[in-house]
Amino acid sequence: VTEETPAGGNPEQLALVKDLLGEGTTE
């Protein structure tokens, strides 16, 4: 007998991550 915990995160939302929003560079 087991109790399940659903996985977190949203694959559909993660699939939206494609664009560069901002970057910073130093030497």
mmCIF file of all heavy atoms, coordinates in Angstrom:
data_MODEL
# 
_entry.id   MODEL 
# 
loop_
_atom_site.group_PDB 
_atom_site.id 
_atom_site.type_symbol 
_atom_site.label_atom_id 
_atom_site.label_alt_id 
_atom_site.label_comp_id 
_atom_site.label_asym_id 
_atom_site.label_entity_id 
_atom_site.label_seq_id 
_atom_site.pdbx_PDB_ins_code 
_atom_site.Cartn_x 
_atom_site.Cartn_y 
_atom_site.Cartn_z 
_atom_site.occupancy 
_atom_site.B_iso_or_equiv 
_atom_site.pdbx_formal_charge 
_atom_site.auth_seq_id 
_atom_site.auth_comp_id 
_atom_site.auth_asym_id 
_atom_site.auth_atom_id 
_atom_site.pdbx_PDB_model_num 
ATOM 1   N N   . VAL A 1 1  ? 0.863  -1.183 0.000   1.00 0.00 ? 1  VAL A N   1 
ATOM 2   C CA  . VAL A 1 1  ? 0.000  0.000  0.000   1.00 0.00 ? 1  VAL A CA  1 
ATOM 3   C C   . VAL A 1 1  ? 0.901  1.234  0.000   1.00 0.00 ? 1  VAL A C   1 
ATOM 4   O O   . VAL A 1 1  ? 1.760  1.388  0.873   1.00 0.00 ? 1  VAL A O   1 
ATOM 5   C CB  . VAL A 1 1  ? -0.920 0.011  1.228   1.00 0.00 ? 1  VAL A CB  1 
ATOM 6   C CG1 . VAL A 1 1  ? -1.815 1.253  1.207   1.00 0.00 ? 1  VAL A CG1 1 
ATOM 7   C CG2 . VAL A 1 1  ? -1.764 -1.256 1.275   1.00 0.00 ? 1  VAL A CG2 1 
ATOM 8   N N   . THR A 1 2  ? 0.742  2.100  -0.968  1.00 0.00 ? 2  THR A N   1 
ATOM 9   C CA  . THR A 1 2  ? 1.605  3.273  -1.096  1.00 0.00 ? 2  THR A CA  1 
ATOM 10  C C   . THR A 1 2  ? 0.780  4.547  -1.203  1.00 0.00 ? 2  THR A C   1 
ATOM 11  O O   . THR A 1 2  ? -0.410 4.524  -1.533  1.00 0.00 ? 2  THR A O   1 
ATOM 12  C CB  . THR A 1 2  ? 2.513  3.163  -2.333  1.00 0.00 ? 2  THR A CB  1 
ATOM 13  O OG1 . THR A 1 2  ? 1.701  3.040  -3.507  1.00 0.00 ? 2  THR A OG1 1 
ATOM 14  C CG2 . THR A 1 2  ? 3.444  1.974  -2.225  1.00 0.00 ? 2  THR A CG2 1 
ATOM 15  N N   . GLU A 1 3  ? 1.448  5.650  -0.918  1.00 0.00 ? 3  GLU A N   1 
ATOM 16  C CA  . GLU A 1 3  ? 0.864  6.979  -1.086  1.00 0.00 ? 3  GLU A CA  1 
ATOM 17  C C   . GLU A 1 3  ? 1.731  7.732  -2.090  1.00 0.00 ? 3  GLU A C   1 
ATOM 18  O O   . GLU A 1 3  ? 2.951  7.767  -1.953  1.00 0.00 ? 3  GLU A O   1 
ATOM 19  C CB  . GLU A 1 3  ? 0.821  7.712  0.262   1.00 0.00 ? 3  GLU A CB  1 
ATOM 20  C CG  . GLU A 1 3  ? -0.041 6.998  1.292   1.00 0.00 ? 3  GLU A CG  1 
ATOM 21  C CD  . GLU A 1 3  ? 0.173  7.537  2.691   1.00 0.00 ? 3  GLU A CD  1 
ATOM 22  O OE1 . GLU A 1 3  ? 1.018  8.458  2.852   1.00 0.00 ? 3  GLU A OE1 1 
ATOM 23  O OE2 . GLU A 1 3  ? -0.483 7.037  3.620   1.00 0.00 ? 3  GLU A OE2 1 
ATOM 24  N N   . GLU A 1 4  ? 1.128  8.303  -3.083  1.00 0.00 ? 4  GLU A N   1 
ATOM 25  C CA  . GLU A 1 4  ? 1.855  8.967  -4.155  1.00 0.00 ? 4  GLU A CA  1 
ATOM 26  C C   . GLU A 1 4  ? 1.908  10.482 -3.944  1.00 0.00 ? 4  GLU A C   1 
ATOM 27  O O   . GLU A 1 4  ? 0.959  11.086 -3.464  1.00 0.00 ? 4  GLU A O   1 
ATOM 28  C CB  . GLU A 1 4  ? 1.225  8.655  -5.515  1.00 0.00 ? 4  GLU A CB  1 
ATOM 29  C CG  . GLU A 1 4  ? 1.407  7.214  -5.955  1.00 0.00 ? 4  GLU A CG  1 
ATOM 30  C CD  . GLU A 1 4  ? 1.019  6.996  -7.403  1.00 0.00 ? 4  GLU A CD  1 
ATOM 31  O OE1 . GLU A 1 4  ? 0.376  7.899  -7.986  1.00 0.00 ? 4  GLU A OE1 1 
ATOM 32  O OE2 . GLU A 1 4  ? 1.352  5.935  -7.955  1.00 0.00 ? 4  GLU A OE2 1 
ATOM 33  N N   . THR A 1 5  ? 3.058  11.034 -4.301  1.00 0.00 ? 5  THR A N   1 
ATOM 34  C CA  . THR A 1 5  ? 3.248  12.483 -4.286  1.00 0.00 ? 5  THR A CA  1 
ATOM 35  C C   . THR A 1 5  ? 3.474  12.924 -5.724  1.00 0.00 ? 5  THR A C   1 
ATOM 36  O O   . THR A 1 5  ? 4.407  12.447 -6.375  1.00 0.00 ? 5  THR A O   1 
ATOM 37  C CB  . THR A 1 5  ? 4.467  12.868 -3.429  1.00 0.00 ? 5  THR A CB  1 
ATOM 38  O OG1 . THR A 1 5  ? 4.313  12.322 -2.122  1.00 0.00 ? 5  THR A OG1 1 
ATOM 39  C CG2 . THR A 1 5  ? 4.612  14.380 -3.355  1.00 0.00 ? 5  THR A CG2 1 
ATOM 40  N N   . PRO A 1 6  ? 2.648  13.811 -6.234  1.00 0.00 ? 6  PRO A N   1 
ATOM 41  C CA  . PRO A 1 6  ? 2.804  14.194 -7.644  1.00 0.00 ? 6  PRO A CA  1 
ATOM 42  C C   . PRO A 1 6  ? 4.111  14.930 -7.888  1.00 0.00 ? 6  PRO A C   1 
ATOM 43  O O   . PRO A 1 6  ? 4.646  15.603 -7.003  1.00 0.00 ? 6  PRO A O   1 
ATOM 44  C CB  . PRO A 1 6  ? 1.591  15.109 -7.893  1.00 0.00 ? 6  PRO A CB  1 
ATOM 45  C CG  . PRO A 1 6  ? 1.202  15.601 -6.535  1.00 0.00 ? 6  PRO A CG  1 
ATOM 46  C CD  . PRO A 1 6  ? 1.532  14.503 -5.577  1.00 0.00 ? 6  PRO A CD  1 
ATOM 47  N N   . ALA A 1 7  ? 4.622  14.803 -9.075  1.00 0.00 ? 7  ALA A N   1 
ATOM 48  C CA  . ALA A 1 7  ? 5.843  15.511 -9.470  1.00 0.00 ? 7  ALA A CA  1 
ATOM 49  C C   . ALA A 1 7  ? 5.572  17.004 -9.534  1.00 0.00 ? 7  ALA A C   1 
ATOM 50  O O   . ALA A 1 7  ? 4.478  17.441 -9.886  1.00 0.00 ? 7  ALA A O   1 
ATOM 51  C CB  . ALA A 1 7  ? 6.329  15.006 -10.824 1.00 0.00 ? 7  ALA A CB  1 
ATOM 52  N N   . GLY A 1 8  ? 6.579  17.783 -9.168  1.00 0.00 ? 8  GLY A N   1 
ATOM 53  C CA  . GLY A 1 8  ? 6.451  19.229 -9.243  1.00 0.00 ? 8  GLY A CA  1 
ATOM 54  C C   . GLY A 1 8  ? 6.886  19.730 -10.607 1.00 0.00 ? 8  GLY A C   1 
ATOM 55  O O   . GLY A 1 8  ? 7.406  19.000 -11.439 1.00 0.00 ? 8  GLY A O   1 
ATOM 56  N N   . GLY A 1 9  ? 6.692  21.007 -10.810 1.00 0.00 ? 9  GLY A N   1 
ATOM 57  C CA  . GLY A 1 9  ? 7.096  21.596 -12.082 1.00 0.00 ? 9  GLY A CA  1 
ATOM 58  C C   . GLY A 1 9  ? 6.020  21.433 -13.138 1.00 0.00 ? 9  GLY A C   1 
ATOM 59  O O   . GLY A 1 9  ? 5.106  20.614 -13.019 1.00 0.00 ? 9  GLY A O   1 
ATOM 60  N N   . ASN A 1 10 ? 6.170  22.209 -14.159 1.00 0.00 ? 10 ASN A N   1 
ATOM 61  C CA  . ASN A 1 10 ? 5.193  22.206 -15.244 1.00 0.00 ? 10 ASN A CA  1 
ATOM 62  C C   . ASN A 1 10 ? 5.935  22.118 -16.576 1.00 0.00 ? 10 ASN A C   1 
ATOM 63  O O   . ASN A 1 10 ? 6.511  23.100 -17.036 1.00 0.00 ? 10 ASN A O   1 
ATOM 64  C CB  . ASN A 1 10 ? 4.355  23.487 -15.183 1.00 0.00 ? 10 ASN A CB  1 
ATOM 65  C CG  . ASN A 1 10 ? 3.213  23.488 -16.165 1.00 0.00 ? 10 ASN A CG  1 
ATOM 66  O OD1 . ASN A 1 10 ? 3.338  22.977 -17.283 1.00 0.00 ? 10 ASN A OD1 1 
ATOM 67  N ND2 . ASN A 1 10 ? 2.093  24.075 -15.774 1.00 0.00 ? 10 ASN A ND2 1 
ATOM 68  N N   . PRO A 1 11 ? 5.970  20.933 -17.186 1.00 0.00 ? 11 PRO A N   1 
ATOM 69  C CA  . PRO A 1 11 ? 6.708  20.777 -18.442 1.00 0.00 ? 11 PRO A CA  1 
ATOM 70  C C   . PRO A 1 11 ? 6.271  21.756 -19.528 1.00 0.00 ? 11 PRO A C   1 
ATOM 71  O O   . PRO A 1 11 ? 7.101  22.219 -20.313 1.00 0.00 ? 11 PRO A O   1 
ATOM 72  C CB  . PRO A 1 11 ? 6.412  19.327 -18.852 1.00 0.00 ? 11 PRO A CB  1 
ATOM 73  C CG  . PRO A 1 11 ? 6.092  18.633 -17.570 1.00 0.00 ? 11 PRO A CG  1 
ATOM 74  C CD  . PRO A 1 11 ? 5.391  19.653 -16.729 1.00 0.00 ? 11 PRO A CD  1 
ATOM 75  N N   . GLU A 1 12 ? 4.967  22.069 -19.554 1.00 0.00 ? 12 GLU A N   1 
ATOM 76  C CA  . GLU A 1 12 ? 4.491  23.012 -20.575 1.00 0.00 ? 12 GLU A CA  1 
ATOM 77  C C   . GLU A 1 12 ? 5.078  24.398 -20.337 1.00 0.00 ? 12 GLU A C   1 
ATOM 78  O O   . GLU A 1 12 ? 5.449  25.102 -21.281 1.00 0.00 ? 12 GLU A O   1 
ATOM 79  C CB  . GLU A 1 12 ? 2.965  23.084 -20.559 1.00 0.00 ? 12 GLU A CB  1 
ATOM 80  C CG  . GLU A 1 12 ? 2.265  21.833 -21.087 1.00 0.00 ? 12 GLU A CG  1 
ATOM 81  C CD  . GLU A 1 12 ? 2.296  20.686 -20.109 1.00 0.00 ? 12 GLU A CD  1 
ATOM 82  O OE1 . GLU A 1 12 ? 2.541  20.929 -18.891 1.00 0.00 ? 12 GLU A OE1 1 
ATOM 83  O OE2 . GLU A 1 12 ? 2.090  19.526 -20.529 1.00 0.00 ? 12 GLU A OE2 1 
ATOM 84  N N   . GLN A 1 13 ? 5.176  24.793 -19.072 1.00 0.00 ? 13 GLN A N   1 
ATOM 85  C CA  . GLN A 1 13 ? 5.775  26.085 -18.749 1.00 0.00 ? 13 GLN A CA  1 
ATOM 86  C C   . GLN A 1 13 ? 7.268  26.085 -19.075 1.00 0.00 ? 13 GLN A C   1 
ATOM 87  O O   . GLN A 1 13 ? 7.797  27.066 -19.608 1.00 0.00 ? 13 GLN A O   1 
ATOM 88  C CB  . GLN A 1 13 ? 5.575  26.388 -17.260 1.00 0.00 ? 13 GLN A CB  1 
ATOM 89  C CG  . GLN A 1 13 ? 4.194  26.886 -16.901 1.00 0.00 ? 13 GLN A CG  1 
ATOM 90  C CD  . GLN A 1 13 ? 4.179  28.387 -16.672 1.00 0.00 ? 13 GLN A CD  1 
ATOM 91  O OE1 . GLN A 1 13 ? 4.889  28.900 -15.829 1.00 0.00 ? 13 GLN A OE1 1 
ATOM 92  N NE2 . GLN A 1 13 ? 3.365  29.077 -17.447 1.00 0.00 ? 13 GLN A NE2 1 
ATOM 93  N N   . LEU A 1 14 ? 7.946  24.986 -18.750 1.00 0.00 ? 14 LEU A N   1 
ATOM 94  C CA  . LEU A 1 14 ? 9.380  24.911 -19.018 1.00 0.00 ? 14 LEU A CA  1 
ATOM 95  C C   . LEU A 1 14 ? 9.659  25.023 -20.514 1.00 0.00 ? 14 LEU A C   1 
ATOM 96  O O   . LEU A 1 14 ? 10.699 25.562 -20.918 1.00 0.00 ? 14 LEU A O   1 
ATOM 97  C CB  . LEU A 1 14 ? 9.953  23.604 -18.469 1.00 0.00 ? 14 LEU A CB  1 
ATOM 98  C CG  . LEU A 1 14 ? 9.954  23.454 -16.949 1.00 0.00 ? 14 LEU A CG  1 
ATOM 99  C CD1 . LEU A 1 14 ? 10.469 22.081 -16.556 1.00 0.00 ? 14 LEU A CD1 1 
ATOM 100 C CD2 . LEU A 1 14 ? 10.805 24.535 -16.298 1.00 0.00 ? 14 LEU A CD2 1 
ATOM 101 N N   . ALA A 1 15 ? 8.749  24.515 -21.307 1.00 0.00 ? 15 ALA A N   1 
ATOM 102 C CA  . ALA A 1 15 ? 8.943  24.563 -22.755 1.00 0.00 ? 15 ALA A CA  1 
ATOM 103 C C   . ALA A 1 15 ? 8.913  25.986 -23.300 1.00 0.00 ? 15 ALA A C   1 
ATOM 104 O O   . ALA A 1 15 ? 9.360  26.236 -24.429 1.00 0.00 ? 15 ALA A O   1 
ATOM 105 C CB  . ALA A 1 15 ? 7.887  23.712 -23.449 1.00 0.00 ? 15 ALA A CB  1 
ATOM 106 N N   . LEU A 1 16 ? 8.400  26.924 -22.487 1.00 0.00 ? 16 LEU A N   1 
ATOM 107 C CA  . LEU A 1 16 ? 8.358  28.324 -22.924 1.00 0.00 ? 16 LEU A CA  1 
ATOM 108 C C   . LEU A 1 16 ? 9.718  29.001 -22.831 1.00 0.00 ? 16 LEU A C   1 
ATOM 109 O O   . LEU A 1 16 ? 9.938  30.068 -23.425 1.00 0.00 ? 16 LEU A O   1 
ATOM 110 C CB  . LEU A 1 16 ? 7.351  29.116 -22.065 1.00 0.00 ? 16 LEU A CB  1 
ATOM 111 C CG  . LEU A 1 16 ? 5.876  28.717 -22.176 1.00 0.00 ? 16 LEU A CG  1 
ATOM 112 C CD1 . LEU A 1 16 ? 5.054  29.495 -21.155 1.00 0.00 ? 16 LEU A CD1 1 
ATOM 113 C CD2 . LEU A 1 16 ? 5.361  28.975 -23.586 1.00 0.00 ? 16 LEU A CD2 1 
ATOM 114 N N   . VAL A 1 17 ? 10.630 28.401 -22.062 1.00 0.00 ? 17 VAL A N   1 
ATOM 115 C CA  . VAL A 1 17 ? 11.935 29.037 -21.830 1.00 0.00 ? 17 VAL A CA  1 
ATOM 116 C C   . VAL A 1 17 ? 12.800 28.880 -23.081 1.00 0.00 ? 17 VAL A C   1 
ATOM 117 O O   . VAL A 1 17 ? 13.356 27.813 -23.345 1.00 0.00 ? 17 VAL A O   1 
ATOM 118 C CB  . VAL A 1 17 ? 12.634 28.417 -20.606 1.00 0.00 ? 17 VAL A CB  1 
ATOM 119 C CG1 . VAL A 1 17 ? 13.984 29.082 -20.372 1.00 0.00 ? 17 VAL A CG1 1 
ATOM 120 C CG2 . VAL A 1 17 ? 11.755 28.561 -19.375 1.00 0.00 ? 17 VAL A CG2 1 
ATOM 121 N N   . LYS A 1 18 ? 12.900 29.948 -23.854 1.00 0.00 ? 18 LYS A N   1 
ATOM 122 C CA  . LYS A 1 18 ? 13.672 29.919 -25.098 1.00 0.00 ? 18 LYS A CA  1 
ATOM 123 C C   . LYS A 1 18 ? 14.429 31.217 -25.349 1.00 0.00 ? 18 LYS A C   1 
ATOM 124 O O   . LYS A 1 18 ? 15.402 31.236 -26.108 1.00 0.00 ? 18 LYS A O   1 
ATOM 125 C CB  . LYS A 1 18 ? 12.742 29.666 -26.292 1.00 0.00 ? 18 LYS A CB  1 
ATOM 126 C CG  . LYS A 1 18 ? 12.009 28.330 -26.264 1.00 0.00 ? 18 LYS A CG  1 
ATOM 127 C CD  . LYS A 1 18 ? 11.051 28.206 -27.447 1.00 0.00 ? 18 LYS A CD  1 
ATOM 128 C CE  . LYS A 1 18 ? 10.291 26.881 -27.422 1.00 0.00 ? 18 LYS A CE  1 
ATOM 129 N NZ  . LYS A 1 18 ? 9.335  26.779 -28.546 1.00 0.00 ? 18 LYS A NZ  1 
ATOM 130 N N   . ASP A 1 19 ? 13.995 32.312 -24.715 1.00 0.00 ? 19 ASP A N   1 
ATOM 131 C CA  . ASP A 1 19 ? 14.477 33.637 -25.092 1.00 0.00 ? 19 ASP A CA  1 
ATOM 132 C C   . ASP A 1 19 ? 15.487 34.190 -24.094 1.00 0.00 ? 19 ASP A C   1 
ATOM 133 O O   . ASP A 1 19 ? 15.369 33.978 -22.883 1.00 0.00 ? 19 ASP A O   1 
ATOM 134 C CB  . ASP A 1 19 ? 13.297 34.606 -25.190 1.00 0.00 ? 19 ASP A CB  1 
ATOM 135 C CG  . ASP A 1 19 ? 12.184 34.069 -26.083 1.00 0.00 ? 19 ASP A CG  1 
ATOM 136 O OD1 . ASP A 1 19 ? 12.495 33.664 -27.212 1.00 0.00 ? 19 ASP A OD1 1 
ATOM 137 O OD2 . ASP A 1 19 ? 11.021 34.049 -25.638 1.00 0.00 ? 19 ASP A OD2 1 
ATOM 138 N N   . LEU A 1 20 ? 16.467 34.924 -24.612 1.00 0.00 ? 20 LEU A N   1 
ATOM 139 C CA  . LEU A 1 20 ? 17.428 35.618 -23.768 1.00 0.00 ? 20 LEU A CA  1 
ATOM 140 C C   . LEU A 1 20 ? 16.788 36.904 -23.267 1.00 0.00 ? 20 LEU A C   1 
ATOM 141 O O   . LEU A 1 20 ? 16.475 37.802 -24.044 1.00 0.00 ? 20 LEU A O   1 
ATOM 142 C CB  . LEU A 1 20 ? 18.704 35.932 -24.552 1.00 0.00 ? 20 LEU A CB  1 
ATOM 143 C CG  . LEU A 1 20 ? 19.775 36.720 -23.800 1.00 0.00 ? 20 LEU A CG  1 
ATOM 144 C CD1 . LEU A 1 20 ? 20.304 35.923 -22.608 1.00 0.00 ? 20 LEU A CD1 1 
ATOM 145 C CD2 . LEU A 1 20 ? 20.917 37.092 -24.745 1.00 0.00 ? 20 LEU A CD2 1 
ATOM 146 N N   . LEU A 1 21 ? 16.608 37.005 -21.941 1.00 0.00 ? 21 LEU A N   1 
ATOM 147 C CA  . LEU A 1 21 ? 15.968 38.181 -21.356 1.00 0.00 ? 21 LEU A CA  1 
ATOM 148 C C   . LEU A 1 21 ? 16.973 39.247 -20.942 1.00 0.00 ? 21 LEU A C   1 
ATOM 149 O O   . LEU A 1 21 ? 16.670 40.441 -20.968 1.00 0.00 ? 21 LEU A O   1 
ATOM 150 C CB  . LEU A 1 21 ? 15.130 37.771 -20.138 1.00 0.00 ? 21 LEU A CB  1 
ATOM 151 C CG  . LEU A 1 21 ? 14.048 36.702 -20.366 1.00 0.00 ? 21 LEU A CG  1 
ATOM 152 C CD1 . LEU A 1 21 ? 13.284 36.446 -19.074 1.00 0.00 ? 21 LEU A CD1 1 
ATOM 153 C CD2 . LEU A 1 21 ? 13.098 37.121 -21.484 1.00 0.00 ? 21 LEU A CD2 1 
ATOM 154 N N   . GLY A 1 22 ? 18.155 38.826 -20.526 1.00 0.00 ? 22 GLY A N   1 
ATOM 155 C CA  . GLY A 1 22 ? 19.166 39.781 -20.086 1.00 0.00 ? 22 GLY A CA  1 
ATOM 156 C C   . GLY A 1 22 ? 20.474 39.071 -19.802 1.00 0.00 ? 22 GLY A C   1 
ATOM 157 O O   . GLY A 1 22 ? 20.493 37.883 -19.467 1.00 0.00 ? 22 GLY A O   1 
ATOM 158 N N   . GLU A 1 23 ? 21.586 39.795 -19.943 1.00 0.00 ? 23 GLU A N   1 
ATOM 159 C CA  . GLU A 1 23 ? 22.899 39.207 -19.678 1.00 0.00 ? 23 GLU A CA  1 
ATOM 160 C C   . GLU A 1 23 ? 23.839 40.267 -19.122 1.00 0.00 ? 23 GLU A C   1 
ATOM 161 O O   . GLU A 1 23 ? 23.647 41.472 -19.306 1.00 0.00 ? 23 GLU A O   1 
ATOM 162 C CB  . GLU A 1 23 ? 23.490 38.571 -20.937 1.00 0.00 ? 23 GLU A CB  1 
ATOM 163 C CG  . GLU A 1 23 ? 23.655 39.512 -22.111 1.00 0.00 ? 23 GLU A CG  1 
ATOM 164 C CD  . GLU A 1 23 ? 24.114 38.781 -23.367 1.00 0.00 ? 23 GLU A CD  1 
ATOM 165 O OE1 . GLU A 1 23 ? 24.758 37.729 -23.233 1.00 0.00 ? 23 GLU A OE1 1 
ATOM 166 O OE2 . GLU A 1 23 ? 23.829 39.279 -24.464 1.00 0.00 ? 23 GLU A OE2 1 
ATOM 167 N N   . GLY A 1 24 ? 24.883 39.799 -18.409 1.00 0.00 ? 24 GLY A N   1 
ATOM 168 C CA  . GLY A 1 24 ? 25.895 40.690 -17.851 1.00 0.00 ? 24 GLY A CA  1 
ATOM 169 C C   . GLY A 1 24 ? 27.262 40.047 -17.974 1.00 0.00 ? 24 GLY A C   1 
ATOM 170 O O   . GLY A 1 24 ? 27.403 38.826 -17.849 1.00 0.00 ? 24 GLY A O   1 
ATOM 171 N N   . THR A 1 25 ? 28.276 40.879 -18.211 1.00 0.00 ? 25 THR A N   1 
ATOM 172 C CA  . THR A 1 25 ? 29.641 40.385 -18.389 1.00 0.00 ? 25 THR A CA  1 
ATOM 173 C C   . THR A 1 25 ? 30.612 41.306 -17.664 1.00 0.00 ? 25 THR A C   1 
ATOM 174 O O   . THR A 1 25 ? 30.490 42.530 -17.746 1.00 0.00 ? 25 THR A O   1 
ATOM 175 C CB  . THR A 1 25 ? 30.016 40.327 -19.878 1.00 0.00 ? 25 THR A CB  1 
ATOM 176 O OG1 . THR A 1 25 ? 29.088 39.486 -20.563 1.00 0.00 ? 25 THR A OG1 1 
ATOM 177 C CG2 . THR A 1 25 ? 31.428 39.765 -20.061 1.00 0.00 ? 25 THR A CG2 1 
ATOM 178 N N   . THR A 1 26 ? 31.582 40.734 -16.948 1.00 0.00 ? 26 THR A N   1 
ATOM 179 C CA  . THR A 1 26 ? 32.669 41.495 -16.331 1.00 0.00 ? 26 THR A CA  1 
ATOM 180 C C   . THR A 1 26 ? 33.969 40.737 -16.524 1.00 0.00 ? 26 THR A C   1 
ATOM 181 O O   . THR A 1 26 ? 33.971 39.526 -16.784 1.00 0.00 ? 26 THR A O   1 
ATOM 182 C CB  . THR A 1 26 ? 32.438 41.718 -14.825 1.00 0.00 ? 26 THR A CB  1 
ATOM 183 O OG1 . THR A 1 26 ? 32.316 40.443 -14.172 1.00 0.00 ? 26 THR A OG1 1 
ATOM 184 C CG2 . THR A 1 26 ? 31.180 42.538 -14.558 1.00 0.00 ? 26 THR A CG2 1 
ATOM 185 N N   . GLU A 1 27 ? 35.082 41.450 -16.382 1.00 0.00 ? 27 GLU A N   1 
ATOM 186 C CA  . GLU A 1 27 ? 36.406 40.850 -16.548 1.00 0.00 ? 27 GLU A CA  1 
ATOM 187 C C   . GLU A 1 27 ? 37.062 40.643 -15.176 1.00 0.00 ? 27 GLU A C   1 
ATOM 188 O O   . GLU A 1 27 ? 36.956 41.495 -14.284 1.00 0.00 ? 27 GLU A O   1 
ATOM 189 C CB  . GLU A 1 27 ? 37.296 41.757 -17.407 1.00 0.00 ? 27 GLU A CB  1 
ATOM 190 C CG  . GLU A 1 27 ? 36.731 42.061 -18.788 1.00 0.00 ? 27 GLU A CG  1 
ATOM 191 C CD  . GLU A 1 27 ? 36.567 40.813 -19.644 1.00 0.00 ? 27 GLU A CD  1 
ATOM 192 O OE1 . GLU A 1 27 ? 37.415 39.898 -19.516 1.00 0.00 ? 27 GLU A OE1 1 
ATOM 193 O OE2 . GLU A 1 27 ? 35.597 40.750 -20.418 1.00 0.00 ? 27 GLU A OE2 1 
# 
